Protein backbone atom coordinates (compact mmCIF):
# COMPACT_ATOMS: atom_id res chain seq x y z
CA MET A 1 103.98 61.83 135.89
CA VAL A 2 100.46 62.55 134.73
CA ILE A 3 97.34 64.11 136.25
CA GLY A 4 94.10 62.19 136.32
CA SER A 5 90.76 61.76 138.05
CA VAL A 6 89.76 58.70 140.06
CA ILE A 7 86.63 57.23 138.46
CA GLY A 8 86.22 53.97 140.37
CA SER A 9 87.68 51.03 142.26
CA ILE A 10 88.77 47.62 141.01
CA TRP A 11 88.38 44.43 143.00
CA ALA A 12 90.28 41.29 142.04
CA THR A 13 89.70 38.09 143.99
CA ARG A 14 92.75 36.52 142.33
CA LYS A 15 95.89 38.50 141.70
CA GLU A 16 99.68 38.31 141.73
CA GLU A 17 101.02 37.74 145.25
CA GLY A 18 102.83 41.11 145.28
CA LEU A 19 99.50 42.90 144.85
CA THR A 20 97.88 41.43 147.97
CA GLY A 21 96.62 44.18 150.23
CA LEU A 22 97.04 46.95 147.66
CA LYS A 23 94.07 49.14 146.68
CA LEU A 24 93.48 49.39 142.92
CA LEU A 25 91.72 52.39 141.38
CA LYS A 26 90.60 53.33 137.85
CA VAL A 27 92.13 56.67 136.90
CA GLN A 28 91.10 58.62 133.82
CA ILE A 29 94.20 60.49 132.73
CA ASP A 30 94.28 63.97 131.20
CA VAL A 31 96.68 63.10 128.36
CA PRO A 32 94.72 62.89 125.09
CA GLU A 33 97.32 60.98 123.04
CA GLU A 34 97.52 58.04 125.49
CA PRO A 35 94.98 55.46 126.73
CA SER A 36 92.43 57.31 128.80
CA ILE A 37 92.06 54.89 131.73
CA LEU A 38 94.81 53.42 133.91
CA VAL A 39 94.67 50.96 136.78
CA ALA A 40 96.76 52.54 139.53
CA VAL A 41 97.81 51.36 142.98
CA ASP A 42 96.71 53.73 145.75
CA ARG A 43 98.51 53.78 149.10
CA ILE A 44 97.58 57.32 150.13
CA GLY A 45 93.79 57.15 150.40
CA ALA A 46 92.49 58.66 147.16
CA GLY A 47 88.82 58.24 146.35
CA VAL A 48 86.36 58.61 143.51
CA GLY A 49 86.33 62.19 142.23
CA ASP A 50 89.82 63.07 143.50
CA LYS A 51 92.31 64.65 141.10
CA VAL A 52 95.56 62.72 141.50
CA ILE A 53 99.19 62.67 140.40
CA VAL A 54 100.23 59.32 138.94
CA THR A 55 103.75 58.07 138.28
CA ARG A 56 104.34 55.22 135.88
CA GLY A 57 107.01 52.71 134.94
CA THR A 58 110.00 51.80 137.10
CA PRO A 59 109.31 54.40 139.85
CA ALA A 60 105.81 52.95 140.31
CA SER A 61 106.96 49.36 140.58
CA SER A 62 109.84 50.00 142.99
CA PHE A 63 107.99 51.73 145.84
CA LEU A 64 108.41 48.67 148.10
CA ASP A 65 111.61 46.87 149.09
CA THR A 66 110.79 44.16 146.56
CA PRO A 67 109.54 45.20 143.12
CA VAL A 68 105.83 44.64 142.47
CA PRO A 69 104.19 44.04 139.07
CA ILE A 70 102.58 47.46 138.58
CA ASP A 71 103.11 50.32 136.17
CA ALA A 72 101.00 53.09 137.74
CA LEU A 73 101.08 54.45 141.32
CA ILE A 74 99.13 57.35 142.81
CA ILE A 75 101.67 59.60 144.52
CA GLY A 76 99.58 62.66 145.35
CA ILE A 77 96.05 64.02 145.72
CA ILE A 78 95.69 67.47 144.19
CA ASP A 79 94.03 70.08 146.38
CA PRO A 80 90.96 71.80 144.91
CA GLU A 81 91.75 75.20 143.35
CA ASP A 82 89.77 77.09 145.99
CA GLN A 83 91.94 75.67 148.83
CA LYS A 84 95.23 77.13 147.57
CA GLY A 85 96.86 79.57 149.94
């Protein structure tokens, strides 16, 4: 898992059938030795400016009953520091 910030949305008029209905976001990750921007599937309602937790690889592609062709999935939205209890 990595932490990143949502920096935008991606729209694709043509895409693999398994991606139909899935929201795609651009996420800038906070890992300097890896590519800085990922395309991640969002099913939890993240938006631009949100800090998110992203899982990659097999866990990302197996979140549905049938595997989908993705390698990054947003699995959490990180609460701002000032909201911690």
